[in-house]
Amino acid sequence: MTDKNLARREFSLASLAALVAAFAAARGTEAAAQDAAKNAKQSSRREVIRQKLPGDPAREISLLEVTYPPGTGSPAHAHANGVMAFVLSGAIASQVGDGPERTYRAGEAWWEPVGAIHRVSRNASATEPATLLAIYIAPEGASAADLMKVL
């Protein structure tokens, strides 16, 4: 799938969500309109590359692009194999384990050790989107659920 097609799909999803929200508001169902608007603002994940690594045991490196629209984030979670995060754009608020919450900006990175609880992972801005690259080294064939376990 090309980036142009992905952008078109994201535009169509946002347009559809806005249309549903407007229709729901016109019908007097404010709760439905709020749900539609919230769903249009969810974070997105895109696998950039997955590559088998040499050696034994069989492992893969996976790069996953995570985009947080303004005011969104991920629920508390853990990674069975650890993960490195690199901020591509914007600013990400993060708290791993019992450490302090910290804001990382484009060009900065952090490490989440195996099994650590990632308590806070959210866009630090209420107006600008933020994107990070999650870098995993995991057993070959690990699923998305294996890489990130929501708590």
C-alpha atoms as a PDB file:
ATOM      1  CA  MET A   1       0.000   0.000   0.000  1.00  0.00           C
ATOM      2  CA  THR A   2       1.409   3.401  -0.905  1.00  0.00           C
ATOM      3  CA  ASP A   3       1.526   6.373   1.424  1.00  0.00           C
ATOM      4  CA  LYS A   4      -0.831   8.181  -0.975  1.00  0.00           C
ATOM      5  CA  ASN A   5      -3.443   5.425  -0.537  1.00  0.00           C
ATOM      6  CA  LEU A   6      -2.934   5.442   3.226  1.00  0.00           C
ATOM      7  CA  ALA A   7      -3.436   9.227   3.352  1.00  0.00           C
ATOM      8  CA  ARG A   8      -6.586   8.869   1.216  1.00  0.00           C
ATOM      9  CA  ARG A   9      -7.936   6.178   3.590  1.00  0.00           C
ATOM     10  CA  GLU A  10      -7.191   8.330   6.659  1.00  0.00           C
ATOM     11  CA  PHE A  11      -8.895  11.306   4.972  1.00  0.00           C
ATOM     12  CA  SER A  12     -11.920   9.172   4.111  1.00  0.00           C
ATOM     13  CA  LEU A  13     -12.140   7.801   7.673  1.00  0.00           C
ATOM     14  CA  ALA A  14     -11.939  11.312   9.131  1.00  0.00           C
ATOM     15  CA  SER A  15     -14.551  12.579   6.646  1.00  0.00           C
ATOM     16  CA  LEU A  16     -16.893   9.695   7.446  1.00  0.00           C
ATOM     17  CA  ALA A  17     -16.486  10.231  11.190  1.00  0.00           C
ATOM     18  CA  ALA A  18     -17.239  13.955  10.777  1.00  0.00           C
ATOM     19  CA  LEU A  19     -20.337  13.174   8.684  1.00  0.00           C
ATOM     20  CA  VAL A  20     -21.605  10.653  11.273  1.00  0.00           C
ATOM     21  CA  ALA A  21     -20.965  13.160  14.058  1.00  0.00           C
ATOM     22  CA  ALA A  22     -22.869  15.895  12.190  1.00  0.00           C
ATOM     23  CA  PHE A  23     -25.783  13.550  11.437  1.00  0.00           C
ATOM     24  CA  ALA A  24     -25.943  12.375  15.053  1.00  0.00           C
ATOM     25  CA  ALA A  25     -25.853  15.956  16.330  1.00  0.00           C
ATOM     26  CA  ALA A  26     -28.645  16.938  13.931  1.00  0.00           C
ATOM     27  CA  ARG A  27     -30.757  14.066  15.280  1.00  0.00           C
ATOM     28  CA  GLY A  28     -30.207  15.278  18.833  1.00  0.00           C
ATOM     29  CA  THR A  29     -27.997  12.419  20.012  1.00  0.00           C
ATOM     30  CA  GLU A  30     -25.069  14.290  21.489  1.00  0.00           C
ATOM     31  CA  ALA A  31     -23.508  11.133  22.982  1.00  0.00           C
ATOM     32  CA  ALA A  32     -23.305   9.469  19.540  1.00  0.00           C
ATOM     33  CA  ALA A  33     -21.686  12.591  18.088  1.00  0.00           C
ATOM     34  CA  GLN A  34     -19.081  12.607  20.863  1.00  0.00           C
ATOM     35  CA  ASP A  35     -18.331   8.902  20.298  1.00  0.00           C
ATOM     36  CA  ALA A  36     -17.850   9.446  16.555  1.00  0.00           C
ATOM     37  CA  ALA A  37     -15.519  12.401  17.145  1.00  0.00           C
ATOM     38  CA  LYS A  38     -13.531  10.414  19.726  1.00  0.00           C
ATOM     39  CA  ASN A  39     -13.116   7.464  17.339  1.00  0.00           C
ATOM     40  CA  ALA A  40     -11.764   9.789  14.630  1.00  0.00           C
ATOM     41  CA  LYS A  41      -9.017  10.874  17.080  1.00  0.00           C
ATOM     42  CA  GLN A  42      -7.633   7.466  18.042  1.00  0.00           C
ATOM     43  CA  SER A  43      -3.953   6.741  17.786  1.00  0.00           C
ATOM     44  CA  SER A  44      -2.787   4.765  14.783  1.00  0.00           C
ATOM     45  CA  ARG A  45      -0.063   2.163  14.326  1.00  0.00           C
ATOM     46  CA  ARG A  46       1.679   1.246  11.072  1.00  0.00           C
ATOM     47  CA  GLU A  47       4.273  -1.475  10.625  1.00  0.00           C
ATOM     48  CA  VAL A  48       7.195   0.134   8.798  1.00  0.00           C
ATOM     49  CA  ILE A  49       9.365  -2.976   8.440  1.00  0.00           C
ATOM     50  CA  ARG A  50       9.793  -6.433   9.940  1.00  0.00           C
ATOM     51  CA  GLN A  51      13.057  -8.235   9.246  1.00  0.00           C
ATOM     52  CA  LYS A  52      14.394 -11.603  10.364  1.00  0.00           C
ATOM     53  CA  LEU A  53      17.706 -11.331  12.210  1.00  0.00           C
ATOM     54  CA  PRO A  54      20.537 -13.832  11.897  1.00  0.00           C
ATOM     55  CA  GLY A  55      21.386 -16.154  14.774  1.00  0.00           C
ATOM     56  CA  ASP A  56      19.781 -18.548  17.162  1.00  0.00           C
ATOM     57  CA  PRO A  57      17.191 -18.242  18.603  1.00  0.00           C
ATOM     58  CA  ALA A  58      15.210 -16.921  15.593  1.00  0.00           C
ATOM     59  CA  ARG A  59      14.342 -13.257  16.130  1.00  0.00           C
ATOM     60  CA  GLU A  60      12.963 -10.323  14.157  1.00  0.00           C
ATOM     61  CA  ILE A  61      13.369  -6.585  14.356  1.00  0.00           C
ATOM     62  CA  SER A  62      10.131  -4.660  13.889  1.00  0.00           C
ATOM     63  CA  LEU A  63       9.717  -0.944  13.460  1.00  0.00           C
ATOM     64  CA  LEU A  64       6.242   0.388  14.198  1.00  0.00           C
ATOM     65  CA  GLU A  65       5.175   3.979  13.578  1.00  0.00           C
ATOM     66  CA  VAL A  66       2.730   5.229  16.241  1.00  0.00           C
ATOM     67  CA  THR A  67       0.836   8.472  15.627  1.00  0.00           C
ATOM     68  CA  TYR A  68      -1.042  10.247  18.396  1.00  0.00           C
ATOM     69  CA  PRO A  69      -3.485  12.964  17.314  1.00  0.00           C
ATOM     70  CA  PRO A  70      -3.700  15.916  19.742  1.00  0.00           C
ATOM     71  CA  GLY A  71      -4.980  14.867  23.157  1.00  0.00           C
ATOM     72  CA  THR A  72      -4.644  11.095  22.615  1.00  0.00           C
ATOM     73  CA  GLY A  73      -2.410   8.332  23.925  1.00  0.00           C
ATOM     74  CA  SER A  74      -2.136   4.631  24.709  1.00  0.00           C
ATOM     75  CA  PRO A  75      -3.468   2.806  27.769  1.00  0.00           C
ATOM     76  CA  ALA A  76      -1.001   1.468  30.345  1.00  0.00           C
ATOM     77  CA  HIS A  77       0.864  -1.488  28.850  1.00  0.00           C
ATOM     78  CA  ALA A  78       3.955  -3.692  29.037  1.00  0.00           C
ATOM     79  CA  HIS A  79       6.308  -5.190  26.465  1.00  0.00           C
ATOM     80  CA  ALA A  80       7.389  -8.811  26.863  1.00  0.00           C
ATOM     81  CA  ASN A  81      10.599  -8.150  24.936  1.00  0.00           C
ATOM     82  CA  GLY A  82      11.324  -4.520  25.755  1.00  0.00           C
ATOM     83  CA  VAL A  83      11.136  -1.693  23.229  1.00  0.00           C
ATOM     84  CA  MET A  84      13.039   1.420  22.214  1.00  0.00           C
ATOM     85  CA  ALA A  85      10.989   4.497  21.264  1.00  0.00           C
ATOM     86  CA  PHE A  86      12.272   7.340  19.057  1.00  0.00           C
ATOM     87  CA  VAL A  87      10.184  10.516  18.633  1.00  0.00           C
ATOM     88  CA  LEU A  88       9.868  11.450  14.965  1.00  0.00           C
ATOM     89  CA  SER A  89       7.710  14.567  15.378  1.00  0.00           C
ATOM     90  CA  GLY A  90       5.919  16.493  18.081  1.00  0.00           C
ATOM     91  CA  ALA A  91       6.271  15.715  21.779  1.00  0.00           C
ATOM     92  CA  ILE A  92       5.415  12.538  23.698  1.00  0.00           C
ATOM     93  CA  ALA A  93       4.817  12.368  27.464  1.00  0.00           C
ATOM     94  CA  SER A  94       6.080   9.051  28.834  1.00  0.00           C
ATOM     95  CA  GLN A  95       6.402   7.361  32.209  1.00  0.00           C
ATOM     96  CA  VAL A  96       8.016   3.932  32.462  1.00  0.00           C
ATOM     97  CA  GLY A  97       7.807   1.978  35.724  1.00  0.00           C
ATOM     98  CA  ASP A  98       8.105   4.133  38.833  1.00  0.00           C
ATOM     99  CA  GLY A  99      10.282   6.701  37.056  1.00  0.00           C
ATOM    100  CA  PRO A 100       9.185  10.300  36.588  1.00  0.00           C
ATOM    101  CA  GLU A 101       6.932  11.363  33.732  1.00  0.00           C
ATOM    102  CA  ARG A 102       9.065  13.002  31.056  1.00  0.00           C
ATOM    103  CA  THR A 103       8.340  14.749  27.769  1.00  0.00           C
ATOM    104  CA  TYR A 104      10.424  13.672  24.762  1.00  0.00           C
ATOM    105  CA  ARG A 105      10.654  15.787  21.625  1.00  0.00           C
ATOM    106  CA  ALA A 106      11.574  14.990  18.016  1.00  0.00           C
ATOM    107  CA  GLY A 107      15.021  13.359  17.910  1.00  0.00           C
ATOM    108  CA  GLU A 108      14.903  12.020  21.495  1.00  0.00           C
ATOM    109  CA  ALA A 109      14.494   8.384  22.549  1.00  0.00           C
ATOM    110  CA  TRP A 110      13.905   6.141  25.559  1.00  0.00           C
ATOM    111  CA  TRP A 111      14.122   2.443  26.458  1.00  0.00           C
ATOM    112  CA  GLU A 112      11.385   0.357  28.086  1.00  0.00           C
ATOM    113  CA  PRO A 113      12.929  -2.732  29.742  1.00  0.00           C
ATOM    114  CA  VAL A 114      11.384  -6.185  29.443  1.00  0.00           C
ATOM    115  CA  GLY A 115       8.202  -6.341  31.534  1.00  0.00           C
ATOM    116  CA  ALA A 116       8.309  -2.682  32.663  1.00  0.00           C
ATOM    117  CA  ILE A 117       4.913  -1.018  32.928  1.00  0.00           C
ATOM    118  CA  HIS A 118       4.575   1.908  30.537  1.00  0.00           C
ATOM    119  CA  ARG A 119       2.188   3.943  32.665  1.00  0.00           C
ATOM    120  CA  VAL A 120       1.970   7.062  30.472  1.00  0.00           C
ATOM    121  CA  SER A 121       2.325   7.274  26.707  1.00  0.00           C
ATOM    122  CA  ARG A 122       0.491  10.225  25.180  1.00  0.00           C
ATOM    123  CA  ASN A 123       0.784  13.225  22.952  1.00  0.00           C
ATOM    124  CA  ALA A 124       2.040  16.098  25.111  1.00  0.00           C
ATOM    125  CA  SER A 125       0.226  18.635  22.907  1.00  0.00           C
ATOM    126  CA  ALA A 126      -3.469  19.444  22.774  1.00  0.00           C
ATOM    127  CA  THR A 127      -3.097  21.019  19.316  1.00  0.00           C
ATOM    128  CA  GLU A 128      -0.345  19.224  17.321  1.00  0.00           C
ATOM    129  CA  PRO A 129      -0.004  15.537  16.356  1.00  0.00           C
ATOM    130  CA  ALA A 130       2.991  13.497  17.554  1.00  0.00           C
ATOM    131  CA  THR A 131       4.647  10.443  16.014  1.00  0.00           C
ATOM    132  CA  LEU A 132       7.122   7.946  17.415  1.00  0.00           C
ATOM    133  CA  LEU A 133       8.938   4.920  16.060  1.00  0.00           C
ATOM    134  CA  ALA A 134       8.747   1.841  18.315  1.00  0.00           C
ATOM    135  CA  ILE A 135      11.648  -0.559  17.747  1.00  0.00           C
ATOM    136  CA  TYR A 136      11.178  -4.175  18.878  1.00  0.00           C
ATOM    137  CA  ILE A 137      13.512  -7.169  18.823  1.00  0.00           C
ATOM    138  CA  ALA A 138      11.290 -10.164  19.460  1.00  0.00           C
ATOM    139  CA  PRO A 139      10.880 -13.862  18.700  1.00  0.00           C
ATOM    140  CA  GLU A 140      10.199 -14.559  15.041  1.00  0.00           C
ATOM    141  CA  GLY A 141       6.499 -14.259  14.223  1.00  0.00           C
ATOM    142  CA  ALA A 142       5.540 -12.296  17.355  1.00  0.00           C
ATOM    143  CA  SER A 143       2.069 -10.763  16.958  1.00  0.00           C
ATOM    144  CA  ALA A 144       1.083  -7.189  17.787  1.00  0.00           C
ATOM    145  CA  ALA A 145      -0.498  -8.521  21.001  1.00  0.00           C
ATOM    146  CA  ASP A 146       2.819 -10.196  21.867  1.00  0.00           C
ATOM    147  CA  LEU A 147       4.698  -6.939  21.354  1.00  0.00           C
ATOM    148  CA  MET A 148       2.359  -4.738  23.446  1.00  0.00           C
ATOM    149  CA  LYS A 149       0.139  -6.110  26.206  1.00  0.00           C
ATOM    150  CA  VAL A 150      -2.499  -3.652  27.415  1.00  0.00           C
ATOM    151  CA  LEU A 151      -2.961  -3.812  31.195  1.00  0.00           C
END
